[in-house]
Amino acid sequence: MKEVSLVLHGVVPAKKNSRMVAHAGMRLVNLPNPLYTAWHRRNLASVLEQRGGDRRPLRSPCRVEISVEYPDLHRRDLDNAVSSIFDLLVDAHVLRDDAWVCVPEVSAKAALRRGEPPRAVVRVVSLVEPETEGV
């Protein structure tokens, strides 16, 4: 089974909270939280670097294990962090999609790490055995 291990830096912000509404000509557009946008951009580059530029998604289905490490006891929702991480994994081509048929197994946990930089440790494991060459 193929797997990818990644470290994402910074507190994982919620994409859906604190959205901004802006005018685009005669219509309104709904934009993600600027903190999320900056975190996503920074970690997208980091994921591509950690994968050596590999943009091929793992074969589905996959199991995703997430450990989010917070620097303080500020109230944050783990499910929002997981959603932001999944969006990043799809945009970085680690996952083909984050639908349940592609990711039927997910585990997430949060931990307090006072005095340490906040981060998320992510492990993605393909549940499909690699095809053997020449068989």
N, C-alpha and C. Protein backbone atom coordinates (compact mmCIF):
# COMPACT_ATOMS: atom_id res chain seq x y z
N MET A 1 0.84 -1.18 0.00
CA MET A 1 0.00 0.00 0.00
C MET A 1 0.88 1.24 0.00
N LYS A 2 0.56 2.19 -0.84
CA LYS A 2 1.31 3.43 -0.92
C LYS A 2 0.78 4.42 0.11
N GLU A 3 1.69 5.20 0.68
CA GLU A 3 1.25 6.20 1.65
C GLU A 3 2.05 7.49 1.51
N VAL A 4 1.44 8.58 1.99
CA VAL A 4 2.06 9.90 1.99
C VAL A 4 1.93 10.45 3.40
N SER A 5 3.05 10.93 3.96
CA SER A 5 3.04 11.58 5.26
C SER A 5 3.42 13.04 5.08
N LEU A 6 2.67 13.93 5.71
CA LEU A 6 2.87 15.37 5.53
C LEU A 6 2.80 16.09 6.86
N VAL A 7 3.49 17.22 6.94
CA VAL A 7 3.37 18.13 8.08
C VAL A 7 2.89 19.46 7.53
N LEU A 8 1.77 19.94 8.09
CA LEU A 8 1.20 21.23 7.70
C LEU A 8 1.47 22.21 8.84
N HIS A 9 1.98 23.37 8.52
CA HIS A 9 2.41 24.32 9.53
C HIS A 9 1.36 25.40 9.80
N GLY A 10 1.29 25.81 11.07
CA GLY A 10 0.36 26.86 11.49
C GLY A 10 -0.94 26.27 12.01
N VAL A 11 -1.70 27.11 12.71
CA VAL A 11 -3.03 26.70 13.17
C VAL A 11 -3.91 26.55 11.95
N VAL A 12 -4.59 25.42 11.84
CA VAL A 12 -5.46 25.16 10.70
C VAL A 12 -6.73 25.99 10.86
N PRO A 13 -6.93 27.00 10.00
CA PRO A 13 -8.13 27.83 10.13
C PRO A 13 -9.33 27.20 9.43
N ALA A 14 -10.51 27.58 9.88
CA ALA A 14 -11.73 27.11 9.24
C ALA A 14 -11.97 27.91 7.97
N LYS A 15 -12.25 27.20 6.90
CA LYS A 15 -12.56 27.86 5.63
C LYS A 15 -13.95 28.48 5.65
N LYS A 16 -14.88 27.80 6.31
CA LYS A 16 -16.27 28.23 6.23
C LYS A 16 -16.63 29.33 7.23
N ASN A 17 -15.84 29.52 8.27
CA ASN A 17 -16.13 30.58 9.24
C ASN A 17 -15.48 31.88 8.80
N SER A 18 -16.08 32.99 9.16
CA SER A 18 -15.54 34.33 8.88
C SER A 18 -15.37 34.59 7.39
N ARG A 19 -16.27 34.07 6.58
CA ARG A 19 -16.20 34.35 5.15
C ARG A 19 -16.52 35.81 4.90
N MET A 20 -15.98 36.36 3.82
CA MET A 20 -16.19 37.77 3.48
C MET A 20 -17.04 37.87 2.22
N VAL A 21 -17.89 38.87 2.19
CA VAL A 21 -18.70 39.14 1.00
C VAL A 21 -18.13 40.40 0.36
N ALA A 22 -17.87 40.32 -0.95
CA ALA A 22 -17.29 41.46 -1.68
C ALA A 22 -18.10 41.70 -2.94
N HIS A 23 -18.00 42.90 -3.46
CA HIS A 23 -18.67 43.25 -4.71
C HIS A 23 -17.75 42.94 -5.89
N ALA A 24 -18.30 42.27 -6.89
CA ALA A 24 -17.59 42.02 -8.14
C ALA A 24 -18.49 42.55 -9.25
N GLY A 25 -18.29 43.81 -9.57
CA GLY A 25 -19.18 44.44 -10.54
C GLY A 25 -20.56 44.61 -9.93
N MET A 26 -21.56 44.03 -10.56
CA MET A 26 -22.94 44.15 -10.09
C MET A 26 -23.38 42.98 -9.20
N ARG A 27 -22.45 42.07 -8.86
CA ARG A 27 -22.86 40.92 -8.06
C ARG A 27 -21.99 40.79 -6.82
N LEU A 28 -22.47 40.03 -5.87
CA LEU A 28 -21.73 39.76 -4.64
C LEU A 28 -21.03 38.41 -4.76
N VAL A 29 -19.83 38.34 -4.24
CA VAL A 29 -19.10 37.07 -4.21
C VAL A 29 -18.75 36.76 -2.76
N ASN A 30 -18.75 35.49 -2.44
CA ASN A 30 -18.45 35.01 -1.10
C ASN A 30 -17.02 34.48 -1.10
N LEU A 31 -16.14 35.10 -0.32
CA LEU A 31 -14.72 34.75 -0.30
C LEU A 31 -14.35 34.06 1.00
N PRO A 32 -13.38 33.12 0.95
CA PRO A 32 -12.94 32.47 2.18
C PRO A 32 -12.23 33.46 3.11
N ASN A 33 -12.17 33.08 4.34
CA ASN A 33 -11.44 33.79 5.37
C ASN A 33 -10.00 34.07 4.89
N PRO A 34 -9.51 35.31 4.99
CA PRO A 34 -8.14 35.61 4.55
C PRO A 34 -7.08 34.78 5.29
N LEU A 35 -7.33 34.44 6.56
CA LEU A 35 -6.38 33.58 7.29
C LEU A 35 -6.31 32.20 6.64
N TYR A 36 -7.48 31.68 6.24
CA TYR A 36 -7.51 30.39 5.55
C TYR A 36 -6.76 30.48 4.23
N THR A 37 -7.00 31.52 3.47
CA THR A 37 -6.35 31.68 2.16
C THR A 37 -4.83 31.69 2.30
N ALA A 38 -4.32 32.44 3.27
CA ALA A 38 -2.86 32.50 3.49
C ALA A 38 -2.32 31.15 3.94
N TRP A 39 -3.02 30.48 4.87
CA TRP A 39 -2.60 29.16 5.35
C TRP A 39 -2.59 28.16 4.18
N HIS A 40 -3.65 28.18 3.39
CA HIS A 40 -3.78 27.25 2.26
C HIS A 40 -2.65 27.46 1.25
N ARG A 41 -2.39 28.69 0.89
CA ARG A 41 -1.34 29.00 -0.10
C ARG A 41 0.03 28.53 0.41
N ARG A 42 0.34 28.84 1.66
CA ARG A 42 1.63 28.47 2.25
C ARG A 42 1.79 26.94 2.32
N ASN A 43 0.74 26.25 2.76
CA ASN A 43 0.85 24.81 2.91
C ASN A 43 0.70 24.05 1.60
N LEU A 44 0.06 24.64 0.61
CA LEU A 44 0.00 24.03 -0.72
C LEU A 44 1.43 23.91 -1.27
N ALA A 45 2.19 24.98 -1.17
CA ALA A 45 3.59 24.95 -1.62
C ALA A 45 4.40 23.94 -0.81
N SER A 46 4.14 23.89 0.49
CA SER A 46 4.86 22.96 1.36
C SER A 46 4.56 21.50 1.01
N VAL A 47 3.30 21.19 0.75
CA VAL A 47 2.92 19.82 0.39
C VAL A 47 3.58 19.41 -0.92
N LEU A 48 3.56 20.29 -1.91
CA LEU A 48 4.19 19.98 -3.19
C LEU A 48 5.69 19.74 -2.99
N GLU A 49 6.31 20.53 -2.13
CA GLU A 49 7.74 20.34 -1.84
C GLU A 49 7.98 19.02 -1.10
N GLN A 50 7.15 18.72 -0.11
CA GLN A 50 7.29 17.48 0.64
C GLN A 50 7.10 16.25 -0.24
N ARG A 51 6.30 16.39 -1.28
CA ARG A 51 6.06 15.27 -2.21
C ARG A 51 7.03 15.28 -3.38
N GLY A 52 8.02 16.17 -3.36
CA GLY A 52 9.00 16.22 -4.44
C GLY A 52 8.40 16.65 -5.76
N GLY A 53 7.34 17.45 -5.71
CA GLY A 53 6.70 17.92 -6.93
C GLY A 53 5.72 16.93 -7.54
N ASP A 54 5.57 15.75 -6.91
CA ASP A 54 4.66 14.73 -7.44
C ASP A 54 3.22 15.23 -7.34
N ARG A 55 2.54 15.32 -8.46
CA ARG A 55 1.15 15.80 -8.50
C ARG A 55 0.16 14.68 -8.80
N ARG A 56 0.61 13.44 -8.71
CA ARG A 56 -0.29 12.31 -8.95
C ARG A 56 -1.02 11.93 -7.67
N PRO A 57 -2.36 11.95 -7.67
CA PRO A 57 -3.09 11.56 -6.46
C PRO A 57 -2.92 10.07 -6.17
N LEU A 58 -3.01 9.73 -4.90
CA LEU A 58 -2.97 8.32 -4.52
C LEU A 58 -4.20 7.63 -5.09
N ARG A 59 -4.05 6.34 -5.37
CA ARG A 59 -5.20 5.58 -5.88
C ARG A 59 -6.24 5.46 -4.78
N SER A 60 -7.48 5.61 -5.17
CA SER A 60 -8.58 5.51 -4.21
C SER A 60 -9.00 4.05 -4.10
N PRO A 61 -9.57 3.66 -3.01
CA PRO A 61 -9.89 4.42 -1.81
C PRO A 61 -8.68 4.59 -0.89
N CYS A 62 -8.76 5.61 -0.01
CA CYS A 62 -7.67 5.93 0.91
C CYS A 62 -8.18 6.06 2.34
N ARG A 63 -7.26 5.86 3.26
CA ARG A 63 -7.51 6.16 4.67
C ARG A 63 -6.71 7.42 5.00
N VAL A 64 -7.32 8.37 5.72
CA VAL A 64 -6.63 9.60 6.10
C VAL A 64 -6.60 9.68 7.62
N GLU A 65 -5.40 9.87 8.17
CA GLU A 65 -5.21 10.02 9.61
C GLU A 65 -4.67 11.43 9.85
N ILE A 66 -5.33 12.18 10.72
CA ILE A 66 -4.96 13.58 10.97
C ILE A 66 -4.76 13.79 12.46
N SER A 67 -3.65 14.43 12.81
CA SER A 67 -3.39 14.84 14.18
C SER A 67 -3.12 16.34 14.16
N VAL A 68 -4.04 17.11 14.75
CA VAL A 68 -3.91 18.56 14.78
C VAL A 68 -3.34 18.95 16.14
N GLU A 69 -2.25 19.72 16.12
CA GLU A 69 -1.57 20.10 17.36
C GLU A 69 -1.72 21.60 17.57
N TYR A 70 -2.42 21.97 18.63
CA TYR A 70 -2.72 23.37 18.93
C TYR A 70 -1.77 23.92 19.99
N PRO A 71 -1.47 25.24 19.94
CA PRO A 71 -0.55 25.84 20.90
C PRO A 71 -1.23 26.33 22.18
N ASP A 72 -2.57 26.33 22.20
CA ASP A 72 -3.30 26.89 23.34
C ASP A 72 -4.68 26.24 23.43
N LEU A 73 -5.45 26.68 24.40
CA LEU A 73 -6.79 26.11 24.62
C LEU A 73 -7.90 26.93 23.99
N HIS A 74 -7.55 27.81 23.06
CA HIS A 74 -8.55 28.60 22.34
C HIS A 74 -9.56 27.65 21.71
N ARG A 75 -10.85 28.01 21.74
CA ARG A 75 -11.88 27.13 21.20
C ARG A 75 -11.79 27.04 19.68
N ARG A 76 -11.62 25.83 19.20
CA ARG A 76 -11.58 25.55 17.76
C ARG A 76 -12.32 24.24 17.52
N ASP A 77 -12.94 24.11 16.37
CA ASP A 77 -13.65 22.88 16.04
C ASP A 77 -12.76 21.99 15.18
N LEU A 78 -12.54 20.77 15.66
CA LEU A 78 -11.70 19.82 14.94
C LEU A 78 -12.28 19.49 13.57
N ASP A 79 -13.60 19.39 13.47
CA ASP A 79 -14.21 19.05 12.17
C ASP A 79 -13.97 20.13 11.12
N ASN A 80 -13.90 21.40 11.54
CA ASN A 80 -13.57 22.47 10.59
C ASN A 80 -12.13 22.35 10.12
N ALA A 81 -11.22 21.98 11.02
CA ALA A 81 -9.82 21.79 10.64
C ALA A 81 -9.70 20.64 9.64
N VAL A 82 -10.42 19.55 9.90
CA VAL A 82 -10.39 18.40 9.00
C VAL A 82 -10.88 18.80 7.61
N SER A 83 -11.95 19.57 7.55
CA SER A 83 -12.49 20.03 6.27
C SER A 83 -11.46 20.88 5.51
N SER A 84 -10.79 21.78 6.21
CA SER A 84 -9.76 22.62 5.57
C SER A 84 -8.60 21.76 5.06
N ILE A 85 -8.21 20.77 5.84
CA ILE A 85 -7.11 19.88 5.43
C ILE A 85 -7.51 19.06 4.21
N PHE A 86 -8.73 18.56 4.18
CA PHE A 86 -9.19 17.79 3.01
C PHE A 86 -9.18 18.66 1.75
N ASP A 87 -9.64 19.90 1.85
CA ASP A 87 -9.60 20.79 0.69
C ASP A 87 -8.16 20.97 0.20
N LEU A 88 -7.23 21.11 1.12
CA LEU A 88 -5.82 21.26 0.75
C LEU A 88 -5.30 19.99 0.07
N LEU A 89 -5.65 18.82 0.61
CA LEU A 89 -5.17 17.56 0.03
C LEU A 89 -5.68 17.36 -1.40
N VAL A 90 -6.90 17.79 -1.66
CA VAL A 90 -7.45 17.70 -3.03
C VAL A 90 -6.74 18.70 -3.94
N ASP A 91 -6.58 19.94 -3.48
CA ASP A 91 -5.93 20.98 -4.30
C ASP A 91 -4.47 20.64 -4.58
N ALA A 92 -3.81 19.93 -3.66
CA ALA A 92 -2.40 19.54 -3.84
C ALA A 92 -2.27 18.22 -4.59
N HIS A 93 -3.39 17.65 -5.02
CA HIS A 93 -3.42 16.39 -5.78
C HIS A 93 -2.88 15.20 -4.98
N VAL A 94 -3.03 15.26 -3.66
CA VAL A 94 -2.72 14.08 -2.83
C VAL A 94 -3.90 13.12 -2.94
N LEU A 95 -5.11 13.69 -2.90
CA LEU A 95 -6.34 12.92 -3.08
C LEU A 95 -7.00 13.33 -4.39
N ARG A 96 -7.63 12.37 -5.04
CA ARG A 96 -8.38 12.67 -6.26
C ARG A 96 -9.64 13.46 -5.91
N ASP A 97 -10.28 13.08 -4.79
CA ASP A 97 -11.51 13.72 -4.34
C ASP A 97 -11.63 13.42 -2.85
N ASP A 98 -12.45 14.20 -2.13
CA ASP A 98 -12.63 13.93 -0.72
C ASP A 98 -14.00 13.31 -0.42
N ALA A 99 -14.67 12.83 -1.46
CA ALA A 99 -15.95 12.14 -1.28
C ALA A 99 -15.72 10.83 -0.52
N TRP A 100 -16.76 10.33 0.13
CA TRP A 100 -16.61 9.14 0.95
C TRP A 100 -16.16 7.91 0.16
N VAL A 101 -16.49 7.83 -1.11
CA VAL A 101 -16.06 6.67 -1.90
C VAL A 101 -14.56 6.69 -2.13
N CYS A 102 -13.95 7.87 -2.09
CA CYS A 102 -12.50 7.99 -2.25
C CYS A 102 -11.78 7.91 -0.90
N VAL A 103 -12.45 8.36 0.16
CA VAL A 103 -11.87 8.36 1.51
C VAL A 103 -12.90 7.77 2.48
N PRO A 104 -13.01 6.43 2.49
CA PRO A 104 -14.00 5.81 3.37
C PRO A 104 -13.57 5.70 4.83
N GLU A 105 -12.29 5.95 5.10
CA GLU A 105 -11.79 5.86 6.48
C GLU A 105 -11.07 7.15 6.85
N VAL A 106 -11.51 7.77 7.95
CA VAL A 106 -10.90 9.01 8.44
C VAL A 106 -10.75 8.91 9.95
N SER A 107 -9.58 9.29 10.45
CA SER A 107 -9.44 9.45 11.90
C SER A 107 -8.80 10.80 12.15
N ALA A 108 -9.28 11.47 13.19
CA ALA A 108 -8.76 12.79 13.53
C ALA A 108 -8.67 12.92 15.04
N LYS A 109 -7.59 13.54 15.48
CA LYS A 109 -7.44 13.82 16.90
C LYS A 109 -6.76 15.17 17.05
N ALA A 110 -6.98 15.78 18.22
CA ALA A 110 -6.36 17.07 18.52
C ALA A 110 -5.56 16.93 19.80
N ALA A 111 -4.48 17.70 19.88
CA ALA A 111 -3.63 17.67 21.07
C ALA A 111 -3.14 19.07 21.37
N LEU A 112 -2.87 19.33 22.63
CA LEU A 112 -2.30 20.60 23.07
C LEU A 112 -0.79 20.44 23.13
N ARG A 113 -0.07 21.37 22.49
CA ARG A 113 1.40 21.37 22.52
C ARG A 113 1.87 22.78 22.89
N ARG A 114 1.75 23.12 24.15
CA ARG A 114 2.17 24.45 24.62
C ARG A 114 3.65 24.66 24.34
N GLY A 115 3.96 25.87 23.86
CA GLY A 115 5.36 26.21 23.60
C GLY A 115 5.91 25.65 22.30
N GLU A 116 5.11 24.92 21.57
CA GLU A 116 5.53 24.35 20.29
C GLU A 116 4.76 25.03 19.17
N PRO A 117 5.36 25.15 17.99
CA PRO A 117 4.61 25.74 16.87
C PRO A 117 3.41 24.86 16.50
N PRO A 118 2.27 25.46 16.20
CA PRO A 118 1.10 24.67 15.82
C PRO A 118 1.33 23.98 14.47
N ARG A 119 0.74 22.81 14.33
CA ARG A 119 0.89 22.06 13.08
C ARG A 119 -0.17 20.97 13.01
N ALA A 120 -0.25 20.36 11.85
CA ALA A 120 -1.08 19.17 11.66
C ALA A 120 -0.21 18.13 10.98
N VAL A 121 -0.28 16.92 11.48
CA VAL A 121 0.45 15.80 10.88
C VAL A 121 -0.59 14.94 10.18
N VAL A 122 -0.36 14.68 8.90
CA VAL A 122 -1.35 13.97 8.08
C VAL A 122 -0.69 12.75 7.44
N ARG A 123 -1.41 11.64 7.49
CA ARG A 123 -0.95 10.41 6.83
C ARG A 123 -2.09 9.93 5.95
N VAL A 124 -1.79 9.74 4.67
CA VAL A 124 -2.78 9.25 3.71
C VAL A 124 -2.29 7.90 3.20
N VAL A 125 -3.11 6.89 3.33
CA VAL A 125 -2.73 5.53 2.93
C VAL A 125 -3.72 5.02 1.90
N SER A 126 -3.19 4.61 0.74
CA SER A 126 -4.05 4.01 -0.28
C SER A 126 -4.45 2.61 0.19
N LEU A 127 -5.72 2.29 0.11
CA LEU A 127 -6.21 0.98 0.52
C LEU A 127 -6.19 -0.02 -0.63
N VAL A 128 -5.67 0.42 -1.78
CA VAL A 128 -5.57 -0.43 -2.96
C VAL A 128 -4.14 -0.91 -3.07
N GLU A 129 -3.98 -2.21 -3.23
CA GLU A 129 -2.64 -2.77 -3.41
C GLU A 129 -2.08 -2.33 -4.75
N PRO A 130 -0.78 -1.95 -4.80
CA PRO A 130 -0.20 -1.57 -6.09
C PRO A 130 -0.19 -2.75 -7.05
N GLU A 131 -0.40 -2.46 -8.31
CA GLU A 131 -0.38 -3.51 -9.33
C GLU A 131 1.05 -3.98 -9.51
N THR A 132 1.22 -5.30 -9.64
CA THR A 132 2.56 -5.83 -9.84
C THR A 132 2.91 -5.79 -11.31
N GLU A 133 4.15 -5.42 -11.59
CA GLU A 133 4.63 -5.31 -12.97
C GLU A 133 4.80 -6.70 -13.57
N GLY A 134 4.44 -6.85 -14.80
CA GLY A 134 4.71 -8.07 -15.56
C GLY A 134 3.84 -9.25 -15.22
N VAL A 135 2.77 -9.05 -14.48
CA VAL A 135 1.91 -10.19 -14.12
C VAL A 135 0.69 -10.19 -14.99
